[in-house]
Amino acid sequence: MKQIKILLSVLGLALLAVAASPSAGKAQTCDELASRLITKAVRPPIEALDCSALTRAGLDRPDHHLRSICYSSTGPQSTIEIVADLTCRTSDAALIRASVSDRLTAKATVTGSNCKIEHIDINAAGDLGSGLLRAFDVNGMARRSLQEALDKAC
């Protein structure tokens, strides 16, 4: 749950950075400059995530990687997609080695004129991650958290 809240915060920061981007509103495909700027802000918190509740099962070694970021804008609407690979594993000294991995994709669309979230979707590639996302209503939680952050910023 802690990881989910951190990822939501990271996505919120990225959306705020997007809104302030000098290239906002000029491209319909991935804006390389804005994507690179956002990557620099987002990569460290993603890679620093801990394994949260999985540490109780001995999966206490995080190996998380930001896979990609794509920011685009069609004028009044900005979209950001963040893809991250999250892995938690046992230490190399463990008697029985194990790991759990999943790819998370977070995508949000925001209207700049009123700072409202038009769409947000967080998905996991695997069944385990998908089940956890549904069980904790991550999309609803993300929408509320990001809208609160945008309300404060606008």
N, C-alpha and C. Protein backbone atom coordinates (compact mmCIF):
# COMPACT_ATOMS: atom_id res chain seq x y z
N MET A 1 0.83 -1.19 0.00
CA MET A 1 0.00 0.00 0.00
C MET A 1 0.88 1.25 0.00
N LYS A 2 1.99 1.19 0.76
CA LYS A 2 2.91 2.32 0.81
C LYS A 2 3.49 2.59 -0.58
N GLN A 3 3.83 1.50 -1.32
CA GLN A 3 4.37 1.67 -2.66
C GLN A 3 3.36 2.35 -3.57
N ILE A 4 2.12 1.97 -3.45
CA ILE A 4 1.08 2.55 -4.29
C ILE A 4 0.98 4.05 -4.03
N LYS A 5 1.00 4.45 -2.76
CA LYS A 5 0.91 5.88 -2.42
C LYS A 5 2.12 6.64 -2.96
N ILE A 6 3.31 6.03 -2.90
CA ILE A 6 4.51 6.69 -3.42
C ILE A 6 4.40 6.83 -4.94
N LEU A 7 3.94 5.77 -5.62
CA LEU A 7 3.78 5.86 -7.07
C LEU A 7 2.78 6.94 -7.46
N LEU A 8 1.70 7.05 -6.68
CA LEU A 8 0.72 8.10 -6.96
C LEU A 8 1.33 9.48 -6.78
N SER A 9 2.16 9.65 -5.76
CA SER A 9 2.83 10.92 -5.53
C SER A 9 3.77 11.24 -6.69
N VAL A 10 4.50 10.21 -7.16
CA VAL A 10 5.42 10.40 -8.28
C VAL A 10 4.64 10.82 -9.53
N LEU A 11 3.52 10.15 -9.79
CA LEU A 11 2.70 10.50 -10.95
C LEU A 11 2.17 11.92 -10.82
N GLY A 12 1.75 12.29 -9.62
CA GLY A 12 1.27 13.65 -9.39
C GLY A 12 2.35 14.69 -9.64
N LEU A 13 3.57 14.43 -9.17
CA LEU A 13 4.68 15.35 -9.42
C LEU A 13 4.96 15.46 -10.91
N ALA A 14 4.90 14.33 -11.59
CA ALA A 14 5.15 14.34 -13.03
C ALA A 14 4.09 15.16 -13.76
N LEU A 15 2.83 15.01 -13.37
CA LEU A 15 1.77 15.79 -14.00
C LEU A 15 1.95 17.27 -13.75
N LEU A 16 2.37 17.64 -12.55
CA LEU A 16 2.61 19.06 -12.25
C LEU A 16 3.78 19.58 -13.07
N ALA A 17 4.82 18.75 -13.24
CA ALA A 17 5.95 19.15 -14.07
C ALA A 17 5.52 19.33 -15.52
N VAL A 18 4.65 18.45 -15.98
CA VAL A 18 4.13 18.53 -17.34
C VAL A 18 3.38 19.83 -17.55
N ALA A 19 2.55 20.20 -16.59
CA ALA A 19 1.76 21.42 -16.72
C ALA A 19 2.64 22.65 -16.83
N ALA A 20 3.80 22.61 -16.21
CA ALA A 20 4.72 23.75 -16.24
C ALA A 20 5.71 23.67 -17.39
N SER A 21 5.65 22.61 -18.17
CA SER A 21 6.61 22.41 -19.25
C SER A 21 6.48 23.48 -20.33
N PRO A 22 7.62 24.02 -20.80
CA PRO A 22 7.56 25.03 -21.84
C PRO A 22 7.07 24.47 -23.17
N SER A 23 7.10 23.17 -23.33
CA SER A 23 6.68 22.58 -24.60
C SER A 23 5.24 22.10 -24.57
N ALA A 24 4.54 22.37 -23.49
CA ALA A 24 3.15 21.91 -23.38
C ALA A 24 2.31 22.48 -24.51
N GLY A 25 1.50 21.60 -25.12
CA GLY A 25 0.60 22.04 -26.16
C GLY A 25 1.20 22.06 -27.55
N LYS A 26 2.40 21.55 -27.76
CA LYS A 26 3.03 21.66 -29.06
C LYS A 26 3.20 20.34 -29.79
N ALA A 27 2.92 19.21 -29.14
CA ALA A 27 3.18 17.93 -29.80
C ALA A 27 2.05 16.96 -29.55
N GLN A 28 1.88 16.02 -30.51
CA GLN A 28 0.88 14.98 -30.35
C GLN A 28 1.52 13.64 -30.07
N THR A 29 2.80 13.49 -30.30
CA THR A 29 3.52 12.28 -29.95
C THR A 29 4.35 12.58 -28.72
N CYS A 30 5.13 11.62 -28.29
CA CYS A 30 5.95 11.84 -27.10
C CYS A 30 6.85 13.05 -27.30
N ASP A 31 6.77 13.98 -26.40
CA ASP A 31 7.64 15.15 -26.39
C ASP A 31 8.93 14.75 -25.69
N GLU A 32 10.00 14.64 -26.46
CA GLU A 32 11.26 14.14 -25.91
C GLU A 32 11.82 15.02 -24.79
N LEU A 33 11.78 16.33 -24.97
CA LEU A 33 12.33 17.24 -23.96
C LEU A 33 11.56 17.10 -22.65
N ALA A 34 10.23 17.21 -22.72
CA ALA A 34 9.43 17.11 -21.50
C ALA A 34 9.58 15.72 -20.87
N SER A 35 9.59 14.68 -21.70
CA SER A 35 9.74 13.32 -21.18
C SER A 35 11.07 13.14 -20.45
N ARG A 36 12.13 13.69 -21.00
CA ARG A 36 13.45 13.60 -20.34
C ARG A 36 13.47 14.36 -19.02
N LEU A 37 12.87 15.54 -19.00
CA LEU A 37 12.82 16.31 -17.76
C LEU A 37 12.04 15.57 -16.68
N ILE A 38 10.93 14.99 -17.07
CA ILE A 38 10.10 14.24 -16.13
C ILE A 38 10.84 12.99 -15.66
N THR A 39 11.54 12.32 -16.57
CA THR A 39 12.30 11.12 -16.23
C THR A 39 13.30 11.41 -15.12
N LYS A 40 13.99 12.54 -15.22
CA LYS A 40 14.98 12.90 -14.19
C LYS A 40 14.33 13.06 -12.82
N ALA A 41 13.09 13.52 -12.79
CA ALA A 41 12.39 13.71 -11.51
C ALA A 41 11.77 12.42 -11.00
N VAL A 42 11.36 11.54 -11.90
CA VAL A 42 10.59 10.36 -11.52
C VAL A 42 11.45 9.13 -11.25
N ARG A 43 12.56 8.98 -11.98
CA ARG A 43 13.39 7.77 -11.84
C ARG A 43 13.86 7.53 -10.40
N PRO A 44 14.44 8.51 -9.70
CA PRO A 44 14.93 8.23 -8.33
C PRO A 44 13.87 7.72 -7.36
N PRO A 45 12.68 8.33 -7.29
CA PRO A 45 11.69 7.80 -6.34
C PRO A 45 11.21 6.39 -6.69
N ILE A 46 11.09 6.08 -7.98
CA ILE A 46 10.67 4.73 -8.36
C ILE A 46 11.73 3.71 -7.97
N GLU A 47 12.98 4.01 -8.28
CA GLU A 47 14.04 3.06 -7.98
C GLU A 47 14.31 2.94 -6.48
N ALA A 48 13.87 3.93 -5.70
CA ALA A 48 14.08 3.90 -4.25
C ALA A 48 12.93 3.25 -3.48
N LEU A 49 11.86 2.85 -4.17
CA LEU A 49 10.74 2.21 -3.48
C LEU A 49 11.20 0.97 -2.74
N ASP A 50 10.62 0.74 -1.55
CA ASP A 50 10.94 -0.50 -0.83
C ASP A 50 9.95 -1.58 -1.26
N CYS A 51 10.05 -2.74 -0.66
CA CYS A 51 9.17 -3.86 -1.02
C CYS A 51 7.98 -3.98 -0.09
N SER A 52 7.81 -3.03 0.81
CA SER A 52 6.61 -2.90 1.63
C SER A 52 6.21 -4.20 2.30
N ALA A 53 5.00 -4.64 2.11
CA ALA A 53 4.46 -5.81 2.79
C ALA A 53 5.17 -7.11 2.38
N LEU A 54 5.82 -7.12 1.24
CA LEU A 54 6.50 -8.33 0.79
C LEU A 54 7.73 -8.67 1.62
N THR A 55 8.22 -7.69 2.40
CA THR A 55 9.39 -7.96 3.23
C THR A 55 9.09 -9.03 4.27
N ARG A 56 7.84 -9.14 4.71
CA ARG A 56 7.47 -10.18 5.68
C ARG A 56 7.66 -11.58 5.10
N ALA A 57 7.57 -11.69 3.79
CA ALA A 57 7.76 -12.99 3.13
C ALA A 57 9.21 -13.20 2.73
N GLY A 58 10.09 -12.30 3.14
CA GLY A 58 11.51 -12.43 2.82
C GLY A 58 11.90 -11.79 1.50
N LEU A 59 10.95 -11.21 0.81
CA LEU A 59 11.23 -10.54 -0.46
C LEU A 59 11.56 -9.08 -0.17
N ASP A 60 12.76 -8.87 0.35
CA ASP A 60 13.13 -7.56 0.86
C ASP A 60 14.20 -6.83 0.04
N ARG A 61 14.53 -7.36 -1.11
CA ARG A 61 15.53 -6.71 -1.97
C ARG A 61 14.84 -6.12 -3.19
N PRO A 62 14.65 -4.80 -3.21
CA PRO A 62 13.99 -4.18 -4.36
C PRO A 62 14.93 -4.08 -5.56
N ASP A 63 14.37 -4.23 -6.73
CA ASP A 63 15.10 -4.03 -7.99
C ASP A 63 14.10 -3.41 -8.97
N HIS A 64 13.81 -2.13 -8.77
CA HIS A 64 12.79 -1.42 -9.55
C HIS A 64 13.46 -0.55 -10.61
N HIS A 65 12.82 -0.50 -11.77
CA HIS A 65 13.38 0.29 -12.87
C HIS A 65 12.28 1.03 -13.62
N LEU A 66 12.55 2.28 -13.89
CA LEU A 66 11.68 3.07 -14.76
C LEU A 66 11.93 2.59 -16.18
N ARG A 67 10.89 2.17 -16.85
CA ARG A 67 11.04 1.64 -18.21
C ARG A 67 10.88 2.76 -19.25
N SER A 68 9.83 3.57 -19.08
CA SER A 68 9.63 4.65 -20.05
C SER A 68 8.67 5.70 -19.50
N ILE A 69 8.80 6.89 -20.07
CA ILE A 69 7.88 7.99 -19.80
C ILE A 69 7.55 8.64 -21.13
N CYS A 70 6.29 8.89 -21.34
CA CYS A 70 5.86 9.57 -22.56
C CYS A 70 4.90 10.69 -22.17
N TYR A 71 5.30 11.91 -22.44
CA TYR A 71 4.43 13.07 -22.25
C TYR A 71 4.01 13.55 -23.63
N SER A 72 2.74 13.84 -23.78
CA SER A 72 2.26 14.42 -25.03
C SER A 72 1.15 15.41 -24.71
N SER A 73 0.91 16.30 -25.67
CA SER A 73 -0.13 17.29 -25.49
C SER A 73 -0.79 17.57 -26.82
N THR A 74 -2.11 17.73 -26.78
CA THR A 74 -2.86 18.08 -27.99
C THR A 74 -3.44 19.48 -27.85
N GLY A 75 -2.79 20.30 -27.09
CA GLY A 75 -3.28 21.66 -26.85
C GLY A 75 -3.87 21.75 -25.47
N PRO A 76 -5.20 21.64 -25.36
CA PRO A 76 -5.81 21.80 -24.05
C PRO A 76 -5.61 20.60 -23.12
N GLN A 77 -5.29 19.43 -23.68
CA GLN A 77 -5.11 18.25 -22.85
C GLN A 77 -3.68 17.75 -22.89
N SER A 78 -3.17 17.37 -21.73
CA SER A 78 -1.85 16.77 -21.61
C SER A 78 -2.00 15.35 -21.11
N THR A 79 -1.17 14.47 -21.64
CA THR A 79 -1.19 13.07 -21.24
C THR A 79 0.21 12.64 -20.86
N ILE A 80 0.29 11.84 -19.82
CA ILE A 80 1.56 11.26 -19.42
C ILE A 80 1.35 9.78 -19.16
N GLU A 81 2.31 9.00 -19.63
CA GLU A 81 2.29 7.56 -19.38
C GLU A 81 3.64 7.19 -18.78
N ILE A 82 3.59 6.52 -17.63
CA ILE A 82 4.80 6.07 -16.94
C ILE A 82 4.73 4.55 -16.84
N VAL A 83 5.79 3.89 -17.29
CA VAL A 83 5.88 2.43 -17.21
C VAL A 83 7.08 2.09 -16.35
N ALA A 84 6.85 1.24 -15.34
CA ALA A 84 7.93 0.85 -14.42
C ALA A 84 7.88 -0.66 -14.19
N ASP A 85 9.06 -1.26 -14.12
CA ASP A 85 9.18 -2.67 -13.76
C ASP A 85 9.53 -2.72 -12.28
N LEU A 86 8.71 -3.41 -11.50
CA LEU A 86 8.94 -3.53 -10.06
C LEU A 86 9.24 -4.98 -9.73
N THR A 87 10.36 -5.20 -9.04
CA THR A 87 10.76 -6.55 -8.63
C THR A 87 11.18 -6.53 -7.17
N CYS A 88 10.71 -7.50 -6.42
CA CYS A 88 11.16 -7.71 -5.06
C CYS A 88 11.66 -9.15 -4.98
N ARG A 89 12.84 -9.35 -4.40
CA ARG A 89 13.43 -10.68 -4.35
C ARG A 89 14.06 -10.93 -3.00
N THR A 90 14.40 -12.19 -2.77
CA THR A 90 15.12 -12.54 -1.55
C THR A 90 16.58 -12.18 -1.75
N SER A 91 17.34 -12.16 -0.67
CA SER A 91 18.77 -11.89 -0.79
C SER A 91 19.46 -13.10 -1.42
N ASP A 92 20.66 -12.89 -1.92
CA ASP A 92 21.42 -13.98 -2.53
C ASP A 92 21.80 -15.04 -1.50
N ALA A 93 21.80 -14.67 -0.22
CA ALA A 93 22.16 -15.62 0.84
C ALA A 93 20.96 -16.46 1.32
N ALA A 94 19.79 -16.22 0.78
CA ALA A 94 18.60 -16.94 1.22
C ALA A 94 18.71 -18.42 0.85
N LEU A 95 18.20 -19.27 1.73
CA LEU A 95 18.21 -20.70 1.49
C LEU A 95 17.33 -21.03 0.27
N ILE A 96 16.17 -20.42 0.22
CA ILE A 96 15.28 -20.57 -0.93
C ILE A 96 15.13 -19.20 -1.57
N ARG A 97 15.57 -19.10 -2.80
CA ARG A 97 15.50 -17.81 -3.49
C ARG A 97 14.16 -17.68 -4.22
N ALA A 98 13.64 -16.47 -4.16
CA ALA A 98 12.35 -16.20 -4.82
C ALA A 98 12.30 -14.74 -5.23
N SER A 99 11.41 -14.46 -6.16
CA SER A 99 11.19 -13.07 -6.56
C SER A 99 9.78 -12.91 -7.09
N VAL A 100 9.30 -11.68 -7.02
CA VAL A 100 8.00 -11.31 -7.56
C VAL A 100 8.22 -10.06 -8.40
N SER A 101 7.71 -10.09 -9.62
CA SER A 101 7.89 -8.96 -10.53
C SER A 101 6.59 -8.61 -11.21
N ASP A 102 6.47 -7.36 -11.56
CA ASP A 102 5.33 -6.92 -12.35
C ASP A 102 5.68 -5.62 -13.04
N ARG A 103 5.01 -5.35 -14.12
CA ARG A 103 5.16 -4.09 -14.84
C ARG A 103 3.91 -3.27 -14.60
N LEU A 104 4.09 -2.07 -14.06
CA LEU A 104 2.97 -1.16 -13.84
C LEU A 104 2.98 -0.07 -14.89
N THR A 105 1.82 0.25 -15.39
CA THR A 105 1.66 1.34 -16.34
C THR A 105 0.63 2.30 -15.77
N ALA A 106 1.04 3.55 -15.63
CA ALA A 106 0.14 4.59 -15.14
C ALA A 106 -0.02 5.62 -16.25
N LYS A 107 -1.27 5.91 -16.59
CA LYS A 107 -1.54 6.88 -17.64
C LYS A 107 -2.60 7.86 -17.15
N ALA A 108 -2.36 9.14 -17.35
CA ALA A 108 -3.30 10.16 -16.91
C ALA A 108 -3.42 11.24 -17.98
N THR A 109 -4.63 11.76 -18.11
CA THR A 109 -4.89 12.87 -19.02
C THR A 109 -5.50 14.00 -18.20
N VAL A 110 -4.95 15.19 -18.38
CA VAL A 110 -5.38 16.36 -17.62
C VAL A 110 -5.72 17.49 -18.59
N THR A 111 -6.80 18.21 -18.30
CA THR A 111 -7.15 19.41 -19.05
C THR A 111 -6.51 20.60 -18.34
N GLY A 112 -5.67 21.31 -19.06
CA GLY A 112 -4.91 22.40 -18.46
C GLY A 112 -5.74 23.61 -18.06
N SER A 113 -6.79 23.90 -18.80
CA SER A 113 -7.56 25.11 -18.54
C SER A 113 -8.26 25.08 -17.18
N ASN A 114 -8.67 23.89 -16.74
CA ASN A 114 -9.36 23.80 -15.45
C ASN A 114 -8.66 22.86 -14.46
N CYS A 115 -7.49 22.36 -14.85
CA CYS A 115 -6.70 21.46 -13.99
C CYS A 115 -7.52 20.26 -13.51
N LYS A 116 -8.29 19.68 -14.39
CA LYS A 116 -9.11 18.52 -14.03
C LYS A 116 -8.58 17.28 -14.71
N ILE A 117 -8.61 16.18 -13.97
CA ILE A 117 -8.20 14.90 -14.52
C ILE A 117 -9.36 14.37 -15.37
N GLU A 118 -9.06 14.13 -16.64
CA GLU A 118 -10.07 13.59 -17.54
C GLU A 118 -10.08 12.06 -17.48
N HIS A 119 -8.90 11.49 -17.30
CA HIS A 119 -8.78 10.04 -17.34
C HIS A 119 -7.53 9.64 -16.54
N ILE A 120 -7.65 8.57 -15.80
CA ILE A 120 -6.49 7.99 -15.13
C ILE A 120 -6.67 6.49 -15.11
N ASP A 121 -5.59 5.79 -15.40
CA ASP A 121 -5.65 4.34 -15.45
C ASP A 121 -4.30 3.78 -15.02
N ILE A 122 -4.32 2.91 -14.04
CA ILE A 122 -3.11 2.24 -13.58
C ILE A 122 -3.34 0.75 -13.76
N ASN A 123 -2.46 0.11 -14.49
CA ASN A 123 -2.60 -1.30 -14.80
C ASN A 123 -1.32 -2.05 -14.47
N ALA A 124 -1.46 -3.32 -14.16
CA ALA A 124 -0.34 -4.22 -13.95
C ALA A 124 -0.39 -5.28 -15.04
N ALA A 125 0.78 -5.69 -15.49
CA ALA A 125 0.85 -6.69 -16.55
C ALA A 125 0.48 -8.08 -16.03
N GLY A 126 0.78 -8.37 -14.77
CA GLY A 126 0.54 -9.70 -14.22
C GLY A 126 -0.77 -9.81 -13.47
N ASP A 127 -1.20 -11.04 -13.27
CA ASP A 127 -2.45 -11.30 -12.55
C ASP A 127 -2.39 -10.86 -11.10
N LEU A 128 -1.26 -11.12 -10.44
CA LEU A 128 -1.11 -10.75 -9.03
C LEU A 128 -1.24 -9.24 -8.85
N GLY A 129 -0.48 -8.49 -9.64
CA GLY A 129 -0.54 -7.03 -9.56
C GLY A 129 -1.90 -6.49 -9.92
N SER A 130 -2.53 -7.06 -10.95
CA SER A 130 -3.87 -6.62 -11.35
C SER A 130 -4.88 -6.83 -10.23
N GLY A 131 -4.78 -7.98 -9.57
CA GLY A 131 -5.69 -8.27 -8.46
C GLY A 131 -5.49 -7.30 -7.31
N LEU A 132 -4.25 -6.98 -6.99
CA LEU A 132 -3.96 -6.04 -5.91
C LEU A 132 -4.46 -4.64 -6.26
N LEU A 133 -4.29 -4.23 -7.51
CA LEU A 133 -4.76 -2.91 -7.93
C LEU A 133 -6.27 -2.80 -7.78
N ARG A 134 -7.00 -3.86 -8.16
CA ARG A 134 -8.46 -3.86 -8.01
C ARG A 134 -8.86 -3.90 -6.54
N ALA A 135 -8.17 -4.74 -5.77
CA ALA A 135 -8.52 -4.91 -4.35
C ALA A 135 -8.38 -3.60 -3.58
N PHE A 136 -7.39 -2.81 -3.92
CA PHE A 136 -7.14 -1.56 -3.20
C PHE A 136 -7.71 -0.34 -3.92
N ASP A 137 -8.51 -0.55 -4.98
CA ASP A 137 -9.11 0.54 -5.74
C ASP A 137 -8.08 1.62 -6.06
N VAL A 138 -6.98 1.17 -6.66
CA VAL A 138 -5.86 2.09 -6.94
C VAL A 138 -6.26 3.18 -7.92
N ASN A 139 -7.07 2.87 -8.92
CA ASN A 139 -7.47 3.92 -9.87
C ASN A 139 -8.28 5.01 -9.17
N GLY A 140 -9.19 4.62 -8.29
CA GLY A 140 -9.97 5.61 -7.54
C GLY A 140 -9.08 6.43 -6.61
N MET A 141 -8.18 5.73 -5.93
CA MET A 141 -7.25 6.41 -5.02
C MET A 141 -6.36 7.39 -5.81
N ALA A 142 -5.91 6.95 -6.98
CA ALA A 142 -5.05 7.79 -7.81
C ALA A 142 -5.79 9.04 -8.26
N ARG A 143 -7.03 8.86 -8.71
CA ARG A 143 -7.82 10.00 -9.17
C ARG A 143 -7.98 11.04 -8.06
N ARG A 144 -8.34 10.57 -6.87
CA ARG A 144 -8.55 11.50 -5.74
C ARG A 144 -7.25 12.20 -5.36
N SER A 145 -6.16 11.45 -5.24
CA SER A 145 -4.88 12.03 -4.83
C SER A 145 -4.35 13.03 -5.84
N LEU A 146 -4.42 12.66 -7.12
CA LEU A 146 -3.90 13.57 -8.14
C LEU A 146 -4.76 14.81 -8.29
N GLN A 147 -6.08 14.66 -8.15
CA GLN A 147 -6.94 15.83 -8.26
C GLN A 147 -6.68 16.79 -7.10
N GLU A 148 -6.44 16.24 -5.91
CA GLU A 148 -6.10 17.10 -4.77
C GLU A 148 -4.81 17.86 -5.03
N ALA A 149 -3.81 17.18 -5.58
CA ALA A 149 -2.53 17.84 -5.88
C ALA A 149 -2.72 18.91 -6.94
N LEU A 150 -3.51 18.61 -7.96
CA LEU A 150 -3.76 19.61 -9.02
C LEU A 150 -4.55 20.79 -8.47
N ASP A 151 -5.52 20.54 -7.59
CA ASP A 151 -6.29 21.63 -7.00
C ASP A 151 -5.39 22.59 -6.24
N LYS A 152 -4.40 22.05 -5.55
CA LYS A 152 -3.46 22.91 -4.80
C LYS A 152 -2.54 23.66 -5.74
N ALA A 153 -2.16 23.04 -6.83
CA ALA A 153 -1.20 23.67 -7.77
C ALA A 153 -1.86 24.73 -8.65
N CYS A 154 -3.12 24.56 -8.93
CA CYS A 154 -3.81 25.50 -9.84
C CYS A 154 -4.44 26.56 -9.05
